C-alpha atoms as a PDB file:
ATOM      1  CA  MET A   1      83.696  76.007  84.628  1.00  0.00           C
ATOM      2  CA  PRO A   2      87.409  73.348  83.321  1.00  0.00           C
ATOM      3  CA  THR A   3      88.388  71.751  86.063  1.00  0.00           C
ATOM      4  CA  VAL A   4      91.100  69.179  87.689  1.00  0.00           C
ATOM      5  CA  GLU A   5      91.397  67.881  91.286  1.00  0.00           C
ATOM      6  CA  VAL A   6      94.440  68.035  92.959  1.00  0.00           C
ATOM      7  CA  SER A   7      94.981  64.239  92.744  1.00  0.00           C
ATOM      8  CA  ASP A   8      95.568  64.487  88.787  1.00  0.00           C
ATOM      9  CA  LEU A   9      98.012  67.322  89.196  1.00  0.00           C
ATOM     10  CA  LYS A  10     101.394  65.500  88.423  1.00  0.00           C
ATOM     11  CA  ASP A  11     104.410  66.262  89.076  1.00  0.00           C
ATOM     12  CA  GLY A  12     105.608  69.503  86.262  1.00  0.00           C
ATOM     13  CA  ASP A  13     101.855  69.989  85.373  1.00  0.00           C
ATOM     14  CA  PHE A  14     102.014  73.808  84.734  1.00  0.00           C
ATOM     15  CA  LEU A  15     100.539  75.503  88.647  1.00  0.00           C
ATOM     16  CA  LEU A  16      99.212  79.314  88.151  1.00  0.00           C
ATOM     17  CA  ASP A  17      98.700  80.608  91.952  1.00  0.00           C
ATOM     18  CA  VAL A  18      96.542  83.699  92.042  1.00  0.00           C
ATOM     19  CA  ARG A  19      96.668  84.334  95.786  1.00  0.00           C
ATOM     20  CA  GLU A  20      98.235  87.523  97.557  1.00  0.00           C
ATOM     21  CA  ASP A  21     101.727  88.383  98.592  1.00  0.00           C
ATOM     22  CA  ASP A  22     100.829  87.173 102.430  1.00  0.00           C
ATOM     23  CA  GLU A  23      99.180  84.007 100.892  1.00  0.00           C
ATOM     24  CA  TRP A  24     102.108  82.487  99.188  1.00  0.00           C
ATOM     25  CA  GLN A  25     104.580  84.149 101.547  1.00  0.00           C
ATOM     26  CA  ALA A  26     102.789  81.638 104.012  1.00  0.00           C
ATOM     27  CA  GLY A  27     103.320  78.838 102.358  1.00  0.00           C
ATOM     28  CA  HIS A  28     102.418  77.446  98.178  1.00  0.00           C
ATOM     29  CA  ALA A  29     103.268  74.660  96.276  1.00  0.00           C
ATOM     30  CA  GLU A  30     107.015  74.465  94.529  1.00  0.00           C
ATOM     31  CA  GLY A  31     107.180  75.384  91.634  1.00  0.00           C
ATOM     32  CA  ALA A  32     104.230  77.265  91.152  1.00  0.00           C
ATOM     33  CA  LEU A  33     104.529  80.938  89.350  1.00  0.00           C
ATOM     34  CA  HIS A  34     103.424  83.711  91.335  1.00  0.00           C
ATOM     35  CA  ILE A  35     100.584  86.689  89.847  1.00  0.00           C
ATOM     36  CA  PRO A  36      98.322  87.785  92.764  1.00  0.00           C
ATOM     37  CA  ILE A  37      94.252  88.182  91.324  1.00  0.00           C
ATOM     38  CA  SER A  38      94.795  91.741  92.429  1.00  0.00           C
ATOM     39  CA  ASP A  39      97.431  92.296  89.318  1.00  0.00           C
ATOM     40  CA  PHE A  40      96.914  89.529  86.999  1.00  0.00           C
ATOM     41  CA  VAL A  41      95.474  92.009  84.475  1.00  0.00           C
ATOM     42  CA  ALA A  42      98.966  94.180  84.375  1.00  0.00           C
ATOM     43  CA  ARG A  43     101.015  91.007  84.947  1.00  0.00           C
ATOM     44  CA  TYR A  44      99.309  88.765  82.773  1.00  0.00           C
ATOM     45  CA  GLY A  45     102.824  88.766  80.159  1.00  0.00           C
ATOM     46  CA  GLU A  46     104.352  87.356  82.616  1.00  0.00           C
ATOM     47  CA  LEU A  47     102.286  84.169  82.400  1.00  0.00           C
ATOM     48  CA  THR A  48     101.772  84.319  78.534  1.00  0.00           C
ATOM     49  CA  GLU A  49     106.142  83.938  79.107  1.00  0.00           C
ATOM     50  CA  ALA A  50     106.478  81.120  81.034  1.00  0.00           C
ATOM     51  CA  ALA A  51     103.376  79.332  80.584  1.00  0.00           C
ATOM     52  CA  PRO A  52     103.676  76.487  78.425  1.00  0.00           C
ATOM     53  CA  GLN A  53     102.610  76.950  74.359  1.00  0.00           C
ATOM     54  CA  ASP A  54     101.454  73.318  73.785  1.00  0.00           C
ATOM     55  CA  GLY A  55      99.913  72.804  78.061  1.00  0.00           C
ATOM     56  CA  ARG A  56      97.556  73.676  80.506  1.00  0.00           C
ATOM     57  CA  VAL A  57      97.459  76.435  82.517  1.00  0.00           C
ATOM     58  CA  ASN A  58      96.367  74.977  85.793  1.00  0.00           C
ATOM     59  CA  VAL A  59      94.878  77.503  88.420  1.00  0.00           C
ATOM     60  CA  ILE A  60      95.193  77.468  92.131  1.00  0.00           C
ATOM     61  CA  CYS A  61      94.233  79.924  95.274  1.00  0.00           C
ATOM     62  CA  ARG A  62      92.773  78.956  98.626  1.00  0.00           C
ATOM     63  CA  SER A  63      89.812  77.363  97.777  1.00  0.00           C
ATOM     64  CA  GLY A  64      88.879  77.931  94.060  1.00  0.00           C
ATOM     65  CA  GLY A  65      87.200  80.899  93.982  1.00  0.00           C
ATOM     66  CA  ARG A  66      89.594  83.433  92.464  1.00  0.00           C
ATOM     67  CA  SER A  67      90.927  81.275  90.810  1.00  0.00           C
ATOM     68  CA  ALA A  68      88.111  79.764  88.647  1.00  0.00           C
ATOM     69  CA  GLN A  69      87.890  83.281  87.708  1.00  0.00           C
ATOM     70  CA  VAL A  70      90.855  83.554  86.409  1.00  0.00           C
ATOM     71  CA  ALA A  71      90.782  79.894  84.984  1.00  0.00           C
ATOM     72  CA  MET A  72      87.835  81.511  83.004  1.00  0.00           C
ATOM     73  CA  TYR A  73      89.470  84.773  81.754  1.00  0.00           C
ATOM     74  CA  LEU A  74      92.394  82.766  80.600  1.00  0.00           C
ATOM     75  CA  VAL A  75      89.397  80.273  78.514  1.00  0.00           C
ATOM     76  CA  GLN A  76      88.259  83.425  76.827  1.00  0.00           C
ATOM     77  CA  GLN A  77      91.983  84.563  75.824  1.00  0.00           C
ATOM     78  CA  GLY A  78      92.233  81.018  74.456  1.00  0.00           C
ATOM     79  CA  ILE A  79      94.122  79.437  76.722  1.00  0.00           C
ATOM     80  CA  ASP A  80      94.045  76.492  77.849  1.00  0.00           C
ATOM     81  CA  ALA A  81      93.432  76.691  81.728  1.00  0.00           C
ATOM     82  CA  VAL A  82      91.325  74.987  84.336  1.00  0.00           C
ATOM     83  CA  ASN A  83      90.513  75.579  88.267  1.00  0.00           C
ATOM     84  CA  VAL A  84      92.650  73.368  90.728  1.00  0.00           C
ATOM     85  CA  ASP A  85      89.416  72.382  92.520  1.00  0.00           C
ATOM     86  CA  GLY A  86      89.815  72.870  96.095  1.00  0.00           C
ATOM     87  CA  GLY A  87      92.854  74.873  96.203  1.00  0.00           C
ATOM     88  CA  MET A  88      95.479  74.765  98.216  1.00  0.00           C
ATOM     89  CA  GLN A  89      93.855  73.428 100.968  1.00  0.00           C
ATOM     90  CA  VAL A  90      92.152  70.471  99.665  1.00  0.00           C
ATOM     91  CA  TRP A  91      96.832  70.776  98.333  1.00  0.00           C
ATOM     92  CA  ALA A  92      97.873  70.489 101.872  1.00  0.00           C
ATOM     93  CA  ALA A  93      95.351  67.943 102.814  1.00  0.00           C
ATOM     94  CA  THR A  94      96.164  65.723 100.466  1.00  0.00           C
ATOM     95  CA  GLY A  95      99.439  65.512 102.006  1.00  0.00           C
ATOM     96  CA  ARG A  96     101.286  68.133  98.800  1.00  0.00           C
ATOM     97  CA  PRO A  97     104.063  69.750  99.979  1.00  0.00           C
ATOM     98  CA  VAL A  98     103.291  73.222 100.955  1.00  0.00           C
ATOM     99  CA  VAL A  99     106.730  75.432 101.140  1.00  0.00           C
ATOM    100  CA  THR A 100     107.895  78.858 101.755  1.00  0.00           C
ATOM    101  CA  ASP A 101     110.053  81.275  99.347  1.00  0.00           C
ATOM    102  CA  GLU A 102     113.371  80.259 101.294  1.00  0.00           C
ATOM    103  CA  GLY A 103     112.029  76.125 100.778  1.00  0.00           C
ATOM    104  CA  GLN A 104     111.004  75.683 104.018  1.00  0.00           C
ATOM    105  CA  PRO A 105     107.457  73.843 105.292  1.00  0.00           C
ATOM    106  CA  GLY A 106     104.681  76.259 105.112  1.00  0.00           C
ATOM    107  CA  PHE A 107     101.157  76.309 105.518  1.00  0.00           C
ATOM    108  CA  VAL A 108      97.963  77.585 103.954  1.00  0.00           C
ATOM    109  CA  LEU A 109      96.658  80.688 105.112  1.00  0.00           C
END
């Protein structure tokens, strides 16, 4: 499974958050696309519309388990996708901003 470290992500890299709605509402990476893993197959078209045509899809969840499943699925579909190692827990622990939909400081649930 291809992975990427949080520290290797740059501002503007495409990020797909596959956590559930309550986790997203508590806090997420600004600018990430949110498609919960439970809705992923039904909402797959949203990803293909939003993802950069020649870019990589960085998939994130709380700790890396669910995002690994989605990243593996995307790779099987021919999409350049990687799992963000350690997920939002590492994202927050390394000082990356976590925000709510209102732009206020959030937290990882």
